[in-house]
Amino acid sequence: MTANDRSDLEPIDPRSAQQLYIDHKSSQCSEATVRSHEYRLNHFVEWCDENDIDNMNDLSGRNLHEYRLWRKEEGGLNKISMQTQMSTLRVFLNWSGSIEAVDPDLYDKVLVPQVSGEEEQRDVMLEAERAEEVLQNLSKYHYASREHVLFALLWETGMRIGAARSLDVRDVKIEDRFLDVTHRPETGTTLKNAQAGERLVAISADLVDLLQDYMDDTRIEATDEYGRHPLLSGKQGRISRSTIRRRVYTLTAPCYLDRPCPDCEGDTDAKCPEAVNPHAIRRGSITHFLIQDVPVEIVGDRMDVSRKVIDKHYDRRSEQVKVEQRRRYLDNI
């Protein structure tokens, strides 16, 4: 950036910029989301302080590279955690550019680690803040659409796509506020754990209202080949697993929310590199419930997964979050 370019910027120190950003997020996101952003950016503010960077205007691509190396070494973070940390910094710097605190293109110099297909399958999850942003967008612009219902269903219940796809209209118990998840192999829908996976899933009043509006106004009236009335219906009857995956890829891509989307081809039939698969929603939902202090046993029953599997494959809480939760629990004894 040239000296003339820098003269167009408004001086501001990193901590003040962080506070303005957090105030901005507070008007759009939940308290939990705001805390997550503030926590991650605290590391960046600390690094700036240690390196005598007291004006955001002075930040360069080299600084961001140095910070990334410092954060990885200091925090001992794996690739997935680094991806989350650097993605948040990227969003913060993009916003900072909008208030003339940094070069508007500086955010594009943040190197966000890419993960392999195997790592993604094992570790990637949709974070609560991103899920909330997608839900807010759907609620505002596509209320009670099939996509809105699909995403809300997957996020709130954490169910697998096979379970979501198996639901019929009759399985939505509006008055009692629960979903009846049933194994029906003889009529084309199965659960991963067969009859052992059958359960009643409590749902929030908001999801009840959404499902009611969807069934009353926007659901495509259709029956499947067995004469059943699928909740998630299409012109050909019950929607397929591949259709669910494609819709999830679309909804979780940054470009869906008009955000910068590196390497995105803009092809609705191709998976955006920064989109996530349906299982990442399940992993994020389970982790979100655990962070909200819902007991593991209740989460396991609700999501049809054992404690052992939760510990090994789904629980992505940081050690800091876990210790804070233990402290709160002990303080209440």
Protein backbone atom coordinates (compact mmCIF):
# COMPACT_ATOMS: atom_id res chain seq x y z
CA MET A 1 0.00 0.00 0.00
CA THR A 2 1.41 3.41 -0.89
CA ALA A 3 1.77 6.40 1.42
CA ASN A 4 -1.00 8.16 -0.48
CA ASP A 5 -3.30 5.18 0.00
CA ARG A 6 -2.58 5.15 3.74
CA SER A 7 -3.54 8.82 4.00
CA ASP A 8 -7.10 7.82 3.18
CA LEU A 9 -7.33 5.68 6.32
CA GLU A 10 -8.59 6.76 9.72
CA PRO A 11 -6.15 5.95 12.59
CA ILE A 12 -7.49 3.54 15.21
CA ASP A 13 -5.80 1.19 17.64
CA PRO A 14 -6.50 -2.59 17.45
CA ARG A 15 -8.41 -2.80 20.74
CA SER A 16 -10.73 0.06 19.81
CA ALA A 17 -11.32 -1.50 16.40
CA GLN A 18 -12.10 -4.81 18.06
CA GLN A 19 -14.62 -3.15 20.38
CA LEU A 20 -16.36 -1.38 17.49
CA TYR A 21 -16.53 -4.69 15.64
CA ILE A 22 -17.95 -6.50 18.68
CA ASP A 23 -20.56 -3.76 19.10
CA HIS A 24 -21.45 -4.24 15.44
CA LYS A 25 -21.77 -8.03 15.88
CA SER A 26 -23.88 -7.56 19.03
CA SER A 27 -26.61 -5.95 16.96
CA GLN A 28 -26.75 -8.92 14.59
CA CYS A 29 -25.79 -12.09 16.47
CA SER A 30 -26.43 -13.96 19.69
CA GLU A 31 -24.41 -13.38 22.85
CA ALA A 32 -22.62 -16.72 22.37
CA THR A 33 -21.55 -15.76 18.85
CA VAL A 34 -20.26 -12.38 19.99
CA ARG A 35 -18.26 -14.00 22.80
CA SER A 36 -16.68 -16.42 20.33
CA HIS A 37 -15.54 -13.61 18.04
CA GLU A 38 -14.25 -11.53 20.93
CA TYR A 39 -12.30 -14.47 22.35
CA ARG A 40 -10.60 -15.26 19.04
CA LEU A 41 -9.74 -11.64 18.32
CA ASN A 42 -8.29 -11.16 21.81
CA HIS A 43 -5.27 -13.14 20.60
CA PHE A 44 -4.80 -10.80 17.66
CA VAL A 45 -5.04 -7.69 19.85
CA GLU A 46 -2.54 -9.25 22.27
CA TRP A 47 -0.12 -9.95 19.40
CA CYS A 48 -0.44 -6.37 18.11
CA ASP A 49 0.32 -5.07 21.59
CA GLU A 50 3.40 -7.27 21.92
CA ASN A 51 4.65 -6.10 18.53
CA ASP A 52 4.01 -2.38 19.12
CA ILE A 53 1.31 -2.13 16.47
CA ASP A 54 -0.92 0.60 17.84
CA ASN A 55 -2.55 1.69 14.59
CA MET A 56 -4.61 -0.64 12.40
CA ASN A 57 -3.59 1.49 9.40
CA ASP A 58 -0.08 0.05 9.63
CA LEU A 59 -1.05 -3.60 9.25
CA SER A 60 0.46 -5.40 6.26
CA GLY A 61 0.29 -8.82 4.66
CA ARG A 62 3.64 -9.64 6.29
CA ASN A 63 2.17 -8.82 9.72
CA LEU A 64 -0.69 -11.22 9.09
CA HIS A 65 1.73 -13.97 8.09
CA GLU A 66 3.78 -13.39 11.26
CA TYR A 67 0.63 -13.45 13.37
CA ARG A 68 -0.51 -16.72 11.81
CA LEU A 69 2.80 -18.38 12.65
CA TRP A 70 2.72 -16.96 16.19
CA ARG A 71 -0.85 -18.11 16.79
CA LYS A 72 -0.12 -21.63 15.58
CA GLU A 73 2.98 -21.96 17.75
CA GLU A 74 1.64 -20.15 20.81
CA GLY A 75 -1.73 -21.89 20.80
CA GLY A 76 -0.57 -25.30 19.61
CA LEU A 77 -3.59 -25.32 17.31
CA ASN A 78 -4.45 -27.99 14.77
CA LYS A 79 -5.38 -27.15 11.18
CA ILE A 80 -9.12 -27.05 11.87
CA SER A 81 -8.72 -24.65 14.81
CA MET A 82 -6.37 -22.49 12.79
CA GLN A 83 -8.93 -22.36 10.01
CA THR A 84 -11.53 -21.07 12.48
CA GLN A 85 -9.16 -18.52 14.02
CA MET A 86 -7.95 -17.12 10.71
CA SER A 87 -11.46 -17.08 9.21
CA THR A 88 -12.62 -14.87 12.08
CA LEU A 89 -9.64 -12.56 11.60
CA ARG A 90 -10.45 -12.39 7.89
CA VAL A 91 -14.04 -11.34 8.61
CA PHE A 92 -12.81 -8.75 11.14
CA LEU A 93 -10.35 -7.23 8.67
CA ASN A 94 -12.96 -7.19 5.92
CA TRP A 95 -15.22 -5.20 8.27
CA SER A 96 -12.27 -2.99 9.29
CA GLY A 97 -11.79 -2.10 5.64
CA SER A 98 -15.38 -0.89 5.52
CA ILE A 99 -14.67 1.70 8.25
CA GLU A 100 -11.39 2.80 6.66
CA ALA A 101 -9.25 1.27 9.41
CA VAL A 102 -7.19 -0.89 7.02
CA ASP A 103 -6.59 -1.32 3.31
CA PRO A 104 -9.94 -2.63 1.95
CA ASP A 105 -8.11 -5.54 0.31
CA LEU A 106 -6.05 -6.51 3.38
CA TYR A 107 -8.49 -9.24 4.43
CA ASP A 108 -7.67 -11.07 1.21
CA LYS A 109 -4.08 -11.54 2.44
CA VAL A 110 -5.18 -13.64 5.42
CA LEU A 111 -4.14 -17.22 4.68
CA VAL A 112 -6.91 -19.53 5.85
CA PRO A 113 -5.64 -23.14 6.07
CA GLN A 114 -7.35 -25.54 3.70
CA VAL A 115 -8.18 -29.02 4.93
CA SER A 116 -8.12 -32.26 2.99
CA GLY A 117 -11.29 -34.21 2.25
CA GLU A 118 -10.38 -36.71 4.96
CA GLU A 119 -9.75 -33.97 7.53
CA GLU A 120 -12.96 -32.22 6.57
CA GLN A 121 -14.99 -35.39 6.94
CA ARG A 122 -13.47 -36.00 10.37
CA ASP A 123 -13.21 -32.55 11.92
CA VAL A 124 -15.03 -29.75 10.10
CA MET A 125 -18.14 -28.43 11.75
CA LEU A 126 -20.52 -25.58 11.10
CA GLU A 127 -20.06 -23.09 13.91
CA ALA A 128 -23.06 -21.61 15.71
CA GLU A 129 -22.38 -18.08 14.50
CA ARG A 130 -22.40 -19.17 10.86
CA ALA A 131 -25.53 -21.28 11.35
CA GLU A 132 -27.29 -18.32 12.94
CA GLU A 133 -26.33 -16.06 10.03
CA VAL A 134 -27.75 -18.56 7.53
CA LEU A 135 -30.96 -18.91 9.57
CA GLN A 136 -31.37 -15.14 9.84
CA ASN A 137 -30.98 -14.81 6.08
CA LEU A 138 -33.47 -17.59 5.40
CA SER A 139 -35.95 -16.18 7.91
CA LYS A 140 -35.74 -12.72 6.33
CA TYR A 141 -35.70 -13.59 2.63
CA HIS A 142 -36.97 -17.19 2.32
CA TYR A 143 -39.22 -17.71 5.32
CA ALA A 144 -40.90 -21.13 5.53
CA SER A 145 -39.28 -22.29 2.32
CA ARG A 146 -38.21 -25.93 2.06
CA GLU A 147 -34.58 -24.81 2.41
CA HIS A 148 -35.43 -22.83 5.57
CA VAL A 149 -37.15 -25.84 7.10
CA LEU A 150 -34.36 -28.21 6.08
CA PHE A 151 -31.60 -26.08 7.56
CA ALA A 152 -33.51 -25.25 10.76
CA LEU A 153 -34.36 -28.92 11.21
CA LEU A 154 -30.78 -30.11 10.78
CA TRP A 155 -29.34 -27.42 13.04
CA GLU A 156 -31.83 -27.62 15.92
CA THR A 157 -32.13 -31.41 16.05
CA GLY A 158 -28.68 -32.44 14.86
CA MET A 159 -30.26 -35.37 13.04
CA ARG A 160 -28.68 -37.20 10.12
CA ILE A 161 -30.03 -36.44 6.65
CA GLY A 162 -31.53 -39.94 6.47
CA ALA A 163 -33.65 -39.16 9.52
CA ALA A 164 -34.67 -35.74 8.22
CA ARG A 165 -35.59 -37.21 4.85
CA SER A 166 -37.66 -39.96 6.50
CA LEU A 167 -40.04 -37.54 8.24
CA ASP A 168 -43.64 -37.41 7.07
CA VAL A 169 -46.14 -34.66 7.75
CA ARG A 170 -47.83 -36.96 10.28
CA ASP A 171 -44.55 -37.17 12.24
CA VAL A 172 -44.70 -33.49 13.15
CA LYS A 173 -46.63 -33.28 16.41
CA ILE A 174 -47.48 -29.59 16.54
CA GLU A 175 -49.49 -29.61 19.76
CA ASP A 176 -46.99 -31.69 21.69
CA ARG A 177 -43.92 -30.02 20.10
CA PHE A 178 -41.96 -33.05 19.05
CA LEU A 179 -40.96 -35.06 15.98
CA ASP A 180 -41.61 -38.79 15.76
CA VAL A 181 -38.51 -40.27 14.13
CA THR A 182 -39.40 -43.78 12.93
CA HIS A 183 -37.60 -46.56 11.04
CA ARG A 184 -39.78 -47.60 8.06
CA PRO A 185 -37.72 -49.85 5.76
CA GLU A 186 -40.80 -51.47 4.24
CA THR A 187 -41.86 -48.10 2.78
CA GLY A 188 -38.52 -46.76 1.66
CA THR A 189 -36.98 -44.85 4.59
CA THR A 190 -34.49 -46.19 7.11
CA LEU A 191 -32.59 -44.90 10.13
CA LYS A 192 -28.88 -45.58 10.54
CA ASN A 193 -29.42 -47.53 13.77
CA ALA A 194 -32.72 -49.07 12.59
CA GLN A 195 -35.31 -49.44 15.35
CA ALA A 196 -32.73 -48.51 17.97
CA GLY A 197 -32.62 -45.09 16.32
CA GLU A 198 -36.34 -44.44 16.75
CA ARG A 199 -37.04 -41.57 19.12
CA LEU A 200 -39.21 -38.58 19.93
CA VAL A 201 -37.32 -35.33 19.41
CA ALA A 202 -38.48 -32.24 21.30
CA ILE A 203 -38.45 -29.05 19.24
CA SER A 204 -38.61 -25.36 20.10
CA ALA A 205 -41.67 -23.17 19.76
CA ASP A 206 -39.93 -21.29 16.95
CA LEU A 207 -39.37 -24.48 14.96
CA VAL A 208 -42.96 -25.55 15.61
CA ASP A 209 -44.22 -22.25 14.17
CA LEU A 210 -41.91 -22.57 11.18
CA LEU A 211 -43.05 -26.12 10.43
CA GLN A 212 -46.70 -25.14 10.79
CA ASP A 213 -46.31 -22.21 8.37
CA TYR A 214 -44.39 -24.39 5.94
CA MET A 215 -47.02 -27.15 5.96
CA ASP A 216 -49.87 -24.64 5.69
CA ASP A 217 -48.48 -22.39 2.98
CA THR A 218 -45.37 -23.45 1.08
CA ARG A 219 -44.91 -27.21 1.23
CA ILE A 220 -45.31 -28.86 -2.17
CA GLU A 221 -48.30 -31.19 -1.96
CA ALA A 222 -46.88 -34.54 -2.95
CA THR A 223 -46.89 -38.22 -2.04
CA ASP A 224 -44.05 -40.68 -2.49
CA GLU A 225 -44.22 -44.03 -4.25
CA TYR A 226 -45.63 -45.65 -1.11
CA GLY A 227 -48.44 -43.14 -0.72
CA ARG A 228 -46.77 -41.38 2.21
CA HIS A 229 -46.74 -37.58 2.60
CA PRO A 230 -43.10 -36.54 3.05
CA LEU A 231 -42.36 -33.43 5.08
CA LEU A 232 -39.49 -32.47 2.77
CA SER A 233 -41.28 -32.87 -0.52
CA GLY A 234 -40.55 -32.07 -4.13
CA LYS A 235 -42.38 -32.37 -7.42
CA GLN A 236 -41.34 -36.02 -7.65
CA GLY A 237 -42.30 -36.84 -4.05
CA ARG A 238 -39.75 -37.30 -1.26
CA ILE A 239 -36.53 -35.38 -1.91
CA SER A 240 -33.33 -37.39 -2.29
CA ARG A 241 -30.24 -37.44 -0.13
CA SER A 242 -28.25 -35.87 -2.97
CA THR A 243 -30.73 -32.98 -3.14
CA ILE A 244 -30.31 -32.38 0.59
CA ARG A 245 -26.52 -32.36 0.23
CA ARG A 246 -26.65 -29.91 -2.68
CA ARG A 247 -28.92 -27.55 -0.79
CA VAL A 248 -26.66 -27.65 2.28
CA TYR A 249 -23.62 -26.89 0.11
CA THR A 250 -25.44 -23.88 -1.33
CA LEU A 251 -26.68 -22.54 2.01
CA THR A 252 -23.34 -22.83 3.81
CA ALA A 253 -21.22 -21.22 1.08
CA PRO A 254 -20.05 -17.68 2.01
CA CYS A 255 -21.23 -16.43 -1.38
CA TYR A 256 -24.80 -17.33 -0.36
CA LEU A 257 -24.54 -14.49 2.17
CA ASP A 258 -22.73 -12.25 -0.34
CA ARG A 259 -19.41 -12.79 1.46
CA PRO A 260 -15.98 -13.13 -0.18
CA CYS A 261 -15.74 -16.69 -1.45
CA PRO A 262 -12.20 -17.54 -2.67
CA ASP A 263 -11.92 -20.04 -5.51
CA CYS A 264 -15.70 -20.25 -5.87
CA GLU A 265 -16.70 -20.97 -9.46
CA GLY A 266 -20.20 -19.59 -9.04
CA ASP A 267 -21.62 -22.86 -10.36
CA THR A 268 -24.79 -23.98 -8.59
CA ASP A 269 -23.98 -27.59 -9.44
CA ALA A 270 -20.48 -27.47 -7.91
CA LYS A 271 -19.55 -27.52 -4.24
CA CYS A 272 -18.03 -24.23 -3.13
CA PRO A 273 -14.64 -24.86 -1.46
CA GLU A 274 -15.78 -23.11 1.73
CA ALA A 275 -19.18 -24.82 1.97
CA VAL A 276 -19.68 -27.70 4.40
CA ASN A 277 -21.46 -31.03 4.16
CA PRO A 278 -24.56 -32.00 6.16
CA HIS A 279 -22.52 -33.95 8.70
CA ALA A 280 -20.68 -30.73 9.60
CA ILE A 281 -24.06 -29.29 10.62
CA ARG A 282 -24.66 -32.32 12.85
CA ARG A 283 -21.20 -31.97 14.42
CA GLY A 284 -21.73 -28.24 14.95
CA SER A 285 -25.17 -28.78 16.45
CA ILE A 286 -23.91 -31.38 18.92
CA THR A 287 -20.99 -29.17 19.97
CA HIS A 288 -23.35 -26.18 20.32
CA PHE A 289 -25.66 -28.12 22.66
CA LEU A 290 -22.66 -29.21 24.75
CA ILE A 291 -21.39 -25.63 25.00
CA GLN A 292 -24.85 -24.63 26.22
CA ASP A 293 -24.34 -27.07 29.15
CA VAL A 294 -26.85 -29.66 27.92
CA PRO A 295 -25.74 -32.98 29.52
CA VAL A 296 -23.98 -35.41 27.21
CA GLU A 297 -26.57 -38.12 27.92
CA ILE A 298 -29.43 -35.87 26.76
CA VAL A 299 -27.52 -34.80 23.66
CA GLY A 300 -26.78 -38.45 22.88
CA ASP A 301 -30.40 -39.51 23.19
CA ARG A 302 -31.58 -36.58 21.10
CA MET A 303 -29.02 -37.07 18.32
CA ASP A 304 -28.94 -40.90 18.43
CA VAL A 305 -25.25 -41.17 19.30
CA SER A 306 -23.34 -42.75 22.18
CA ARG A 307 -21.19 -40.82 24.63
CA LYS A 308 -18.10 -42.65 23.37
CA VAL A 309 -18.79 -41.56 19.80
CA ILE A 310 -19.57 -38.00 20.91
CA ASP A 311 -16.21 -37.79 22.70
CA LYS A 312 -14.31 -39.25 19.77
CA HIS A 313 -15.98 -37.70 16.73
CA TYR A 314 -18.35 -34.86 17.61
CA ASP A 315 -17.28 -32.85 20.65
CA ARG A 316 -15.25 -29.94 19.27
CA ARG A 317 -15.26 -27.76 22.39
CA SER A 318 -11.89 -26.22 23.14
CA GLU A 319 -10.17 -27.12 26.40
CA GLN A 320 -10.72 -23.54 27.56
CA VAL A 321 -14.47 -23.83 27.03
CA LYS A 322 -14.53 -27.13 28.91
CA VAL A 323 -12.64 -25.78 31.91
CA GLU A 324 -14.93 -22.72 32.07
CA GLN A 325 -17.97 -24.99 32.03
CA ARG A 326 -16.51 -27.13 34.82
CA ARG A 327 -15.79 -23.99 36.84
CA ARG A 328 -19.38 -22.75 36.45
CA TYR A 329 -20.68 -26.14 37.48
CA LEU A 330 -18.49 -26.30 40.58
CA ASP A 331 -19.37 -22.72 41.54
CA ASN A 332 -23.04 -23.76 41.73
CA ILE A 333 -22.41 -26.61 44.16
